[in-house]
C-alpha atoms as a PDB file:
ATOM      1  CA  MET A   1      22.706  25.115  -2.914  1.00  0.00           C
ATOM      2  CA  GLU A   2      24.587  25.824  -6.162  1.00  0.00           C
ATOM      3  CA  GLY A   3      21.664  27.951  -7.383  1.00  0.00           C
ATOM      4  CA  CYS A   4      19.999  25.520  -9.789  1.00  0.00           C
ATOM      5  CA  THR A   5      16.221  25.626  -9.317  1.00  0.00           C
ATOM      6  CA  ASN A   6      15.228  23.668 -12.431  1.00  0.00           C
ATOM      7  CA  ALA A   7      13.197  20.783 -10.999  1.00  0.00           C
ATOM      8  CA  SER A   8      13.484  18.601 -14.109  1.00  0.00           C
ATOM      9  CA  ALA A   9      17.272  18.919 -14.280  1.00  0.00           C
ATOM     10  CA  LEU A  10      17.707  18.264 -10.562  1.00  0.00           C
ATOM     11  CA  THR A  11      15.331  15.289 -10.699  1.00  0.00           C
ATOM     12  CA  ARG A  12      17.317  13.698 -13.520  1.00  0.00           C
ATOM     13  CA  GLU A  13      20.552  14.308 -11.623  1.00  0.00           C
ATOM     14  CA  ILE A  14      19.415  12.793  -8.345  1.00  0.00           C
ATOM     15  CA  GLN A  15      17.571   9.907 -10.035  1.00  0.00           C
ATOM     16  CA  ARG A  16      20.965   8.780 -11.341  1.00  0.00           C
ATOM     17  CA  LEU A  17      21.998   8.634  -7.669  1.00  0.00           C
ATOM     18  CA  GLY A  18      19.039   6.423  -6.725  1.00  0.00           C
ATOM     19  CA  TYR A  19      16.183   8.866  -6.045  1.00  0.00           C
ATOM     20  CA  ARG A  20      12.810   7.230  -6.801  1.00  0.00           C
ATOM     21  CA  ASP A  21      10.190   9.956  -6.382  1.00  0.00           C
ATOM     22  CA  ASP A  22       8.976  12.215  -9.175  1.00  0.00           C
ATOM     23  CA  VAL A  23       9.614  15.744 -10.358  1.00  0.00           C
ATOM     24  CA  ASN A  24       6.625  17.151  -8.411  1.00  0.00           C
ATOM     25  CA  THR A  25       8.258  16.283  -5.097  1.00  0.00           C
ATOM     26  CA  VAL A  26      11.446  18.071  -6.164  1.00  0.00           C
ATOM     27  CA  ARG A  27       9.382  21.044  -7.371  1.00  0.00           C
ATOM     28  CA  ARG A  28       7.661  21.314  -3.940  1.00  0.00           C
ATOM     29  CA  HIS A  29      11.037  21.164  -2.222  1.00  0.00           C
ATOM     30  CA  LEU A  30      12.456  23.908  -4.456  1.00  0.00           C
ATOM     31  CA  LYS A  31       9.605  26.375  -3.928  1.00  0.00           C
ATOM     32  CA  PRO A  32      11.180  28.167  -0.910  1.00  0.00           C
ATOM     33  CA  TYR A  33      14.475  28.485  -2.791  1.00  0.00           C
ATOM     34  CA  ARG A  34      12.706  30.103  -5.752  1.00  0.00           C
ATOM     35  CA  ASP A  35      10.931  32.540  -3.439  1.00  0.00           C
ATOM     36  CA  GLY A  36      14.281  33.599  -1.943  1.00  0.00           C
ATOM     37  CA  ALA A  37      13.630  32.179   1.536  1.00  0.00           C
ATOM     38  CA  ILE A  38      16.257  29.449   1.823  1.00  0.00           C
ATOM     39  CA  PRO A  39      15.380  27.158   4.748  1.00  0.00           C
ATOM     40  CA  LEU A  40      18.141  26.431   7.256  1.00  0.00           C
ATOM     41  CA  THR A  41      17.112  22.797   7.647  1.00  0.00           C
ATOM     42  CA  ALA A  42      15.788  20.376   5.098  1.00  0.00           C
ATOM     43  CA  PRO A  43      11.984  20.342   5.120  1.00  0.00           C
ATOM     44  CA  LEU A  44      10.136  17.202   6.095  1.00  0.00           C
ATOM     45  CA  PRO A  45       8.695  15.270   3.173  1.00  0.00           C
ATOM     46  CA  HIS A  46       5.085  16.106   2.387  1.00  0.00           C
ATOM     47  CA  LEU A  47       3.251  13.415   4.332  1.00  0.00           C
ATOM     48  CA  ILE A  48       0.209  11.795   2.797  1.00  0.00           C
ATOM     49  CA  VAL A  49      -1.653   8.661   3.853  1.00  0.00           C
ATOM     50  CA  ARG A  50      -0.404   6.680   0.867  1.00  0.00           C
ATOM     51  CA  ARG A  51       3.230   7.491   1.743  1.00  0.00           C
ATOM     52  CA  ALA A  52       2.783   6.495   5.404  1.00  0.00           C
ATOM     53  CA  THR A  53       1.037   3.286   4.327  1.00  0.00           C
ATOM     54  CA  ASP A  54       3.916   2.529   1.985  1.00  0.00           C
ATOM     55  CA  TRP A  55       6.388   2.990   4.825  1.00  0.00           C
ATOM     56  CA  ILE A  56       4.389   0.650   7.049  1.00  0.00           C
ATOM     57  CA  MET A  57       3.777  -2.120   4.512  1.00  0.00           C
ATOM     58  CA  ARG A  58       7.234  -2.132   2.917  1.00  0.00           C
ATOM     59  CA  ARG A  59       9.739  -4.598   4.307  1.00  0.00           C
ATOM     60  CA  PRO A  60      11.807  -2.736   6.932  1.00  0.00           C
ATOM     61  CA  GLU A  61      15.078  -3.663   5.209  1.00  0.00           C
ATOM     62  CA  HIS A  62      13.829  -2.001   1.990  1.00  0.00           C
ATOM     63  CA  LEU A  63      13.205   1.387   3.639  1.00  0.00           C
ATOM     64  CA  THR A  64      15.712   4.158   3.065  1.00  0.00           C
ATOM     65  CA  ASP A  65      17.099   5.966   6.091  1.00  0.00           C
ATOM     66  CA  VAL A  66      14.866   8.994   5.443  1.00  0.00           C
ATOM     67  CA  LYS A  67      11.737   6.845   5.210  1.00  0.00           C
ATOM     68  CA  ARG A  68      12.717   4.863   8.298  1.00  0.00           C
ATOM     69  CA  LYS A  69      13.264   8.085  10.254  1.00  0.00           C
ATOM     70  CA  GLY A  70       9.927   9.425   9.034  1.00  0.00           C
ATOM     71  CA  LEU A  71       8.095   6.291  10.186  1.00  0.00           C
ATOM     72  CA  ASP A  72       9.962   6.251  13.492  1.00  0.00           C
ATOM     73  CA  GLY A  73       8.999   9.895  14.032  1.00  0.00           C
ATOM     74  CA  LEU A  74       5.347   9.097  13.382  1.00  0.00           C
ATOM     75  CA  CYS A  75       5.453   6.146  15.770  1.00  0.00           C
ATOM     76  CA  GLU A  76       7.126   8.240  18.493  1.00  0.00           C
ATOM     77  CA  ARG A  77       4.385  10.864  18.232  1.00  0.00           C
ATOM     78  CA  ASN A  78       1.592   8.289  18.272  1.00  0.00           C
ATOM     79  CA  PRO A  79       2.097   5.089  20.308  1.00  0.00           C
ATOM     80  CA  ALA A  80      -1.176   3.648  18.951  1.00  0.00           C
ATOM     81  CA  LEU A  81       0.271   3.908  15.453  1.00  0.00           C
ATOM     82  CA  ALA A  82       3.396   2.080  16.617  1.00  0.00           C
ATOM     83  CA  THR A  83       1.227  -0.809  17.800  1.00  0.00           C
ATOM     84  CA  THR A  84      -0.711  -0.797  14.546  1.00  0.00           C
ATOM     85  CA  VAL A  85       2.543  -0.846  12.559  1.00  0.00           C
ATOM     86  CA  GLU A  86       3.707  -3.882  14.507  1.00  0.00           C
ATOM     87  CA  TYR A  87       0.479  -5.802  13.839  1.00  0.00           C
ATOM     88  CA  ALA A  88       0.329  -4.767  10.183  1.00  0.00           C
ATOM     89  CA  ARG A  89       3.897  -5.907   9.597  1.00  0.00           C
ATOM     90  CA  ARG A  90       3.298  -9.229  11.319  1.00  0.00           C
ATOM     91  CA  LEU A  91       0.236  -9.853   9.153  1.00  0.00           C
ATOM     92  CA  ALA A  92       2.011  -8.728   5.976  1.00  0.00           C
ATOM     93  CA  LEU A  93       4.920 -11.069   6.733  1.00  0.00           C
ATOM     94  CA  MET A  94       2.522 -13.956   7.284  1.00  0.00           C
ATOM     95  CA  ILE A  95       0.744 -13.301   3.981  1.00  0.00           C
ATOM     96  CA  ARG A  96       3.811 -12.365   1.926  1.00  0.00           C
ATOM     97  CA  ASP A  97       5.798 -15.435   2.971  1.00  0.00           C
ATOM     98  CA  ARG A  98       2.660 -17.616   3.027  1.00  0.00           C
ATOM     99  CA  ARG A  99       3.568 -18.736   6.521  1.00  0.00           C
ATOM    100  CA  SER A 100       0.979 -21.238   7.561  1.00  0.00           C
ATOM    101  CA  GLU A 101       2.202 -22.302  10.974  1.00  0.00           C
ATOM    102  CA  HIS A 102      -0.654 -23.943  12.775  1.00  0.00           C
ATOM    103  CA  LEU A 103      -1.299 -21.191  15.308  1.00  0.00           C
ATOM    104  CA  ALA A 104       0.351 -18.102  13.741  1.00  0.00           C
ATOM    105  CA  LEU A 105      -2.940 -16.700  12.445  1.00  0.00           C
ATOM    106  CA  ASP A 106      -4.756 -17.516  15.695  1.00  0.00           C
ATOM    107  CA  VAL A 107      -2.021 -15.843  17.755  1.00  0.00           C
ATOM    108  CA  TRP A 108      -2.179 -12.719  15.571  1.00  0.00           C
ATOM    109  CA  ILE A 109      -5.973 -12.532  15.877  1.00  0.00           C
ATOM    110  CA  ALA A 110      -5.825 -13.036  19.650  1.00  0.00           C
ATOM    111  CA  ASP A 111      -3.128 -10.373  20.081  1.00  0.00           C
ATOM    112  CA  VAL A 112      -5.072  -7.839  18.031  1.00  0.00           C
ATOM    113  CA  ARG A 113      -8.308  -8.568  19.874  1.00  0.00           C
ATOM    114  CA  LEU A 114      -6.554  -7.951  23.188  1.00  0.00           C
ATOM    115  CA  ASP A 115      -4.777  -4.662  22.550  1.00  0.00           C
ATOM    116  CA  GLY A 116      -5.189  -3.533  18.949  1.00  0.00           C
ATOM    117  CA  GLN A 117      -6.990  -0.451  17.708  1.00  0.00           C
ATOM    118  CA  ARG A 118     -10.730  -0.626  17.062  1.00  0.00           C
ATOM    119  CA  GLU A 119     -10.257  -0.907  13.287  1.00  0.00           C
ATOM    120  CA  LEU A 120      -7.762  -3.750  13.680  1.00  0.00           C
ATOM    121  CA  ARG A 121     -10.078  -5.524  16.102  1.00  0.00           C
ATOM    122  CA  THR A 122     -12.853  -5.290  13.507  1.00  0.00           C
ATOM    123  CA  LEU A 123     -10.500  -6.786  10.922  1.00  0.00           C
ATOM    124  CA  ALA A 124      -9.493  -9.549  13.334  1.00  0.00           C
ATOM    125  CA  ASN A 125     -13.143 -10.405  14.056  1.00  0.00           C
ATOM    126  CA  GLY A 126     -13.824 -10.715  10.339  1.00  0.00           C
ATOM    127  CA  MET A 127     -10.708 -12.828   9.888  1.00  0.00           C
ATOM    128  CA  ARG A 128     -11.784 -15.055  12.765  1.00  0.00           C
ATOM    129  CA  ARG A 129     -15.106 -15.685  11.008  1.00  0.00           C
ATOM    130  CA  ASP A 130     -13.319 -16.469   7.725  1.00  0.00           C
ATOM    131  CA  ARG A 131     -10.455 -18.345   9.354  1.00  0.00           C
ATOM    132  CA  ALA A 132     -10.849 -21.481   7.221  1.00  0.00           C
ATOM    133  CA  ALA A 133     -10.663 -19.506   3.968  1.00  0.00           C
ATOM    134  CA  ILE A 134      -7.626 -17.528   5.141  1.00  0.00           C
ATOM    135  CA  GLN A 135      -5.866 -20.669   6.318  1.00  0.00           C
ATOM    136  CA  ALA A 136      -6.577 -22.284   2.935  1.00  0.00           C
ATOM    137  CA  ALA A 137      -5.173 -19.243   1.138  1.00  0.00           C
ATOM    138  CA  LEU A 138      -1.994 -19.464   3.200  1.00  0.00           C
ATOM    139  CA  THR A 139      -1.529 -23.216   2.735  1.00  0.00           C
ATOM    140  CA  THR A 140      -2.663 -24.023  -0.817  1.00  0.00           C
ATOM    141  CA  THR A 141      -1.206 -22.970  -4.141  1.00  0.00           C
ATOM    142  CA  TYR A 142      -4.579 -22.495  -5.811  1.00  0.00           C
ATOM    143  CA  THR A 143      -5.571 -19.025  -6.944  1.00  0.00           C
ATOM    144  CA  SER A 144      -8.778 -17.472  -8.183  1.00  0.00           C
ATOM    145  CA  GLY A 145      -6.924 -14.938 -10.339  1.00  0.00           C
ATOM    146  CA  ALA A 146      -8.191 -16.304 -13.676  1.00  0.00           C
ATOM    147  CA  VAL A 147     -11.780 -16.346 -12.477  1.00  0.00           C
ATOM    148  CA  GLU A 148     -11.509 -12.805 -11.077  1.00  0.00           C
ATOM    149  CA  GLY A 149     -10.023 -11.630 -14.364  1.00  0.00           C
ATOM    150  CA  ASN A 150     -12.968 -13.058 -16.305  1.00  0.00           C
ATOM    151  CA  VAL A 151     -15.472 -11.522 -13.901  1.00  0.00           C
ATOM    152  CA  THR A 152     -13.794  -8.122 -14.359  1.00  0.00           C
ATOM    153  CA  ARG A 153     -13.886  -8.520 -18.160  1.00  0.00           C
ATOM    154  CA  ILE A 154     -17.588  -9.438 -18.117  1.00  0.00           C
ATOM    155  CA  LYS A 155     -18.425  -6.476 -15.870  1.00  0.00           C
ATOM    156  CA  LEU A 156     -16.566  -4.184 -18.264  1.00  0.00           C
ATOM    157  CA  LEU A 157     -18.566  -5.509 -21.225  1.00  0.00           C
ATOM    158  CA  LYS A 158     -21.789  -5.130 -19.259  1.00  0.00           C
ATOM    159  CA  ARG A 159     -20.967  -1.502 -18.357  1.00  0.00           C
ATOM    160  CA  GLN A 160     -20.109  -0.713 -21.971  1.00  0.00           C
ATOM    161  CA  MET A 161     -23.511  -1.982 -23.109  1.00  0.00           C
ATOM    162  CA  TYR A 162     -25.617  -0.503 -20.315  1.00  0.00           C
ATOM    163  CA  GLY A 163     -28.979   0.669 -21.681  1.00  0.00           C
ATOM    164  CA  ARG A 164     -28.126  -0.205 -25.266  1.00  0.00           C
ATOM    165  CA  ALA A 165     -28.731  -3.910 -25.696  1.00  0.00           C
ATOM    166  CA  HIS A 166     -30.387  -6.955 -24.201  1.00  0.00           C
ATOM    167  CA  PHE A 167     -29.044 -10.154 -22.726  1.00  0.00           C
ATOM    168  CA  ASP A 168     -28.676 -11.952 -26.073  1.00  0.00           C
ATOM    169  CA  LEU A 169     -26.141  -9.426 -27.371  1.00  0.00           C
ATOM    170  CA  LEU A 170     -24.290  -9.350 -24.054  1.00  0.00           C
ATOM    171  CA  ARG A 171     -24.045 -13.149 -24.104  1.00  0.00           C
ATOM    172  CA  ARG A 172     -22.740 -13.089 -27.670  1.00  0.00           C
ATOM    173  CA  ARG A 173     -20.116 -10.429 -26.842  1.00  0.00           C
ATOM    174  CA  ILE A 174     -18.946 -12.399 -23.788  1.00  0.00           C
ATOM    175  CA  LEU A 175     -18.595 -15.629 -25.772  1.00  0.00           C
ATOM    176  CA  LEU A 176     -16.861 -13.990 -28.751  1.00  0.00           C
ATOM    177  CA  SER A 177     -14.518 -11.604 -26.932  1.00  0.00           C
ATOM    178  CA  PRO A 178     -10.904 -12.738 -26.434  1.00  0.00           C
END
């Protein structure tokens, strides 16, 4: 309101106060001010799927007031989304805290199958089929991270060599690469 419309300068200033978005968001907000049409109320943040997903999956205590109000507004406009948010947060809490209570996963699956959205029901059906693997992931400390990392590295080497060499050279590169 003081007349400064330099997005970079304003971004630096508000980042010192705790702002975490980037200069492009500030630039979009400043556009009406540059055009001379100063809005009477603050515009709503530009809503994209990634931002809404972030609001849903973030721990509720880590949401700022603006983000919490944005998510609450979405949930008020769409009760099905409110239900989905509840189920997604319950599942995220179970996975994040590695809660392996005997029936917690079964209760979540049953609840979703009864009144969840079609996409969540599909997820729950798949989780029901892989229940033993999910339960093991929640209860054990083992991880397949090292194996997955090696598989990714090998696929990268294979893509780099596509159409240029045969298996012998690929094998040699895999064995000799760090």
